[in-house]
Amino acid sequence: MQVRLAEKHDIGHIVRMAAANVAETLPGEAFAPELVEETFVRYLMRANPTFWVAERDGEIAGFMQAYMFTYDYRAGLYTTQKVIYVSPEHRGTRAAVLLIKELIRWSEALGADRVEGGNDNSFQSERTARFLGHFGFEKVGYAMRKELRSASDGRQERR
């Protein structure tokens, strides 16, 4: 298993895995493959976000998407893991471990002084926290959200 920066020809794999990720972690949410493609093009043009793939014997096992940000109130920068997904048939391999290690290595190489990670979908949150804890991440505060529904946002109505 190895991790590498995603390449242009990986887009189809990433779109398929992103669709599977949404179906698994955000059931009922609409999925727009063209938006994933647009995000990937931004990566190819500007490297922010940045995408990596975990690959085993030429097969894509998973991917990660991360961003780099400057602070609004002080000098410096930090990185944020936005998405990490490993396909079900590759779970239990080193794919997720290698992706997180690459995130940390990349963040250090950029000179970031902090890496943020986790999930924003309530899917196996405690398991995610334990996993990231192995790499020195710690729980800080609470992520919260309020769902706002409109007829034009593409999400299914929940009651």
Protein backbone atom coordinates (compact mmCIF):
# COMPACT_ATOMS: atom_id res chain seq x y z
CA MET A 1 0.00 0.00 0.00
CA GLN A 2 1.31 3.43 -0.90
CA VAL A 3 -0.04 6.97 -0.77
CA ARG A 4 0.56 9.47 -3.54
CA LEU A 5 -0.82 12.75 -4.74
CA ALA A 6 -3.89 12.20 -6.89
CA GLU A 7 -3.37 12.55 -10.62
CA LYS A 8 -5.73 13.71 -13.33
CA HIS A 9 -6.59 10.13 -14.34
CA ASP A 10 -7.77 9.37 -10.75
CA ILE A 11 -10.84 11.61 -11.02
CA GLY A 12 -13.26 8.79 -11.89
CA HIS A 13 -12.15 6.76 -8.87
CA ILE A 14 -12.47 9.76 -6.58
CA VAL A 15 -15.96 10.64 -7.85
CA ARG A 16 -17.11 7.04 -7.34
CA MET A 17 -15.64 6.89 -3.83
CA ALA A 18 -17.08 10.31 -2.96
CA ALA A 19 -20.53 9.06 -4.03
CA ALA A 20 -20.11 5.94 -1.88
CA ASN A 21 -18.96 8.09 1.03
CA VAL A 22 -22.02 10.34 0.82
CA ALA A 23 -24.36 7.35 0.52
CA GLU A 24 -22.79 5.72 3.58
CA THR A 25 -22.27 8.72 5.86
CA LEU A 26 -24.97 11.16 4.74
CA PRO A 27 -27.90 9.01 3.57
CA GLY A 28 -30.61 11.08 1.94
CA GLU A 29 -28.24 13.86 0.89
CA ALA A 30 -28.07 14.67 -2.79
CA PHE A 31 -24.80 13.95 -4.57
CA ALA A 32 -23.51 16.08 -7.43
CA PRO A 33 -20.56 14.43 -9.21
CA GLU A 34 -19.91 17.58 -11.21
CA LEU A 35 -19.13 19.46 -7.99
CA VAL A 36 -16.58 16.82 -7.00
CA GLU A 37 -15.06 17.17 -10.46
CA GLU A 38 -14.92 20.97 -10.09
CA THR A 39 -13.23 20.61 -6.71
CA PHE A 40 -10.71 18.20 -8.20
CA VAL A 41 -9.95 20.67 -11.01
CA ARG A 42 -9.26 23.33 -8.35
CA TYR A 43 -6.78 20.89 -6.83
CA LEU A 44 -5.05 20.41 -10.18
CA MET A 45 -4.92 24.18 -10.78
CA ARG A 46 -4.12 25.53 -7.29
CA ALA A 47 -3.35 22.58 -4.95
CA ASN A 48 -5.93 23.82 -2.46
CA PRO A 49 -7.65 21.54 -1.76
CA THR A 50 -5.10 18.77 -2.10
CA PHE A 51 -6.06 15.17 -2.89
CA TRP A 52 -4.15 11.96 -2.21
CA VAL A 53 -4.97 8.38 -3.04
CA ALA A 54 -4.02 5.19 -1.26
CA GLU A 55 -3.13 2.59 -3.85
CA ARG A 56 -2.46 -1.12 -3.67
CA ASP A 57 -1.20 -3.02 -6.70
CA GLY A 58 -2.56 -0.32 -9.02
CA GLU A 59 -6.00 -0.29 -7.38
CA ILE A 60 -7.24 2.84 -5.60
CA ALA A 61 -8.18 1.84 -2.05
CA GLY A 62 -9.13 5.25 -0.69
CA PHE A 63 -8.62 8.97 -0.91
CA MET A 64 -8.18 12.03 1.26
CA GLN A 65 -8.96 15.69 0.64
CA ALA A 66 -7.37 18.44 2.75
CA TYR A 67 -7.11 22.21 2.75
CA MET A 68 -4.54 24.71 3.94
CA PHE A 69 -5.58 27.99 5.55
CA THR A 70 -3.98 31.08 7.01
CA TYR A 71 -5.26 32.32 10.33
CA ASP A 72 -7.57 35.32 10.41
CA TYR A 73 -6.09 36.65 13.64
CA ARG A 74 -2.37 35.81 13.63
CA ALA A 75 0.50 34.77 11.41
CA GLY A 76 0.84 31.15 10.38
CA LEU A 77 -1.15 28.48 8.68
CA TYR A 78 -3.01 25.30 9.52
CA THR A 79 -4.38 22.38 7.56
CA THR A 80 -7.72 20.62 7.69
CA GLN A 81 -8.57 17.08 6.69
CA LYS A 82 -11.91 17.45 4.92
CA VAL A 83 -12.58 13.92 3.63
CA ILE A 84 -10.94 10.59 4.20
CA TYR A 85 -12.57 7.55 2.67
CA VAL A 86 -11.41 3.97 2.29
CA SER A 87 -13.55 1.61 0.24
CA PRO A 88 -15.14 -1.20 2.28
CA GLU A 89 -13.02 -3.94 0.67
CA HIS A 90 -9.86 -2.12 1.79
CA ARG A 91 -10.89 -1.30 5.34
CA GLY A 92 -8.62 -2.95 7.86
CA THR A 93 -5.60 -2.35 5.63
CA ARG A 94 -3.08 0.42 6.24
CA ALA A 95 -4.83 2.80 3.81
CA ALA A 96 -6.33 5.18 6.39
CA VAL A 97 -3.18 5.11 8.53
CA LEU A 98 -0.98 5.97 5.58
CA LEU A 99 -3.33 8.75 4.44
CA ILE A 100 -3.29 10.41 7.88
CA LYS A 101 0.49 10.04 8.14
CA GLU A 102 0.77 11.76 4.76
CA LEU A 103 -1.53 14.56 5.95
CA ILE A 104 0.74 15.15 8.94
CA ARG A 105 3.91 14.99 6.81
CA TRP A 106 2.43 17.43 4.27
CA SER A 107 1.29 19.79 7.01
CA GLU A 108 4.73 19.82 8.59
CA ALA A 109 6.38 20.41 5.20
CA LEU A 110 4.09 23.42 4.64
CA GLY A 111 5.10 24.84 8.01
CA ALA A 112 1.60 24.46 9.46
CA ASP A 113 1.38 24.66 13.22
CA ARG A 114 -1.86 22.69 13.53
CA VAL A 115 -3.78 19.97 11.73
CA GLU A 116 -7.53 19.71 12.15
CA GLY A 117 -9.43 16.54 11.37
CA GLY A 118 -12.44 14.48 12.25
CA ASN A 119 -15.84 14.06 10.72
CA ASP A 120 -18.78 16.36 10.22
CA ASN A 121 -21.47 13.77 9.67
CA SER A 122 -21.95 11.81 12.93
CA PHE A 123 -20.87 8.59 11.20
CA GLN A 124 -18.79 6.58 13.67
CA SER A 125 -17.62 9.76 15.37
CA GLU A 126 -16.17 8.02 18.44
CA ARG A 127 -14.29 5.54 16.28
CA THR A 128 -12.94 8.39 14.18
CA ALA A 129 -11.82 10.23 17.32
CA ARG A 130 -10.03 7.13 18.65
CA PHE A 131 -8.34 6.59 15.29
CA LEU A 132 -7.10 10.17 15.06
CA GLY A 133 -6.07 10.06 18.71
CA HIS A 134 -3.42 7.48 17.79
CA PHE A 135 -1.72 10.24 15.79
CA GLY A 136 -1.85 12.86 18.53
CA PHE A 137 -5.14 14.53 17.62
CA GLU A 138 -7.28 15.58 20.55
CA LYS A 139 -10.91 16.51 20.97
CA VAL A 140 -11.35 20.27 21.08
CA GLY A 141 -14.80 21.74 21.55
CA TYR A 142 -17.86 20.52 19.71
CA ALA A 143 -18.84 20.78 16.09
CA MET A 144 -22.47 21.71 15.79
CA ARG A 145 -24.80 22.54 12.95
CA LYS A 146 -28.36 23.60 12.34
CA GLU A 147 -30.00 22.25 9.21
CA LEU A 148 -31.74 24.86 7.10
CA ARG A 149 -34.00 23.48 4.40
CA SER A 150 -35.12 25.18 1.26
CA ALA A 151 -36.87 23.84 -1.80
CA SER A 152 -33.89 24.57 -4.03
CA ASP A 153 -31.01 23.06 -2.07
CA GLY A 154 -31.28 19.52 -3.41
CA ARG A 155 -31.66 17.82 -0.06
CA GLN A 156 -34.56 15.63 0.86
CA GLU A 157 -36.96 16.96 3.43
CA ARG A 158 -36.56 15.41 6.88
CA ARG A 159 -39.26 15.45 9.51
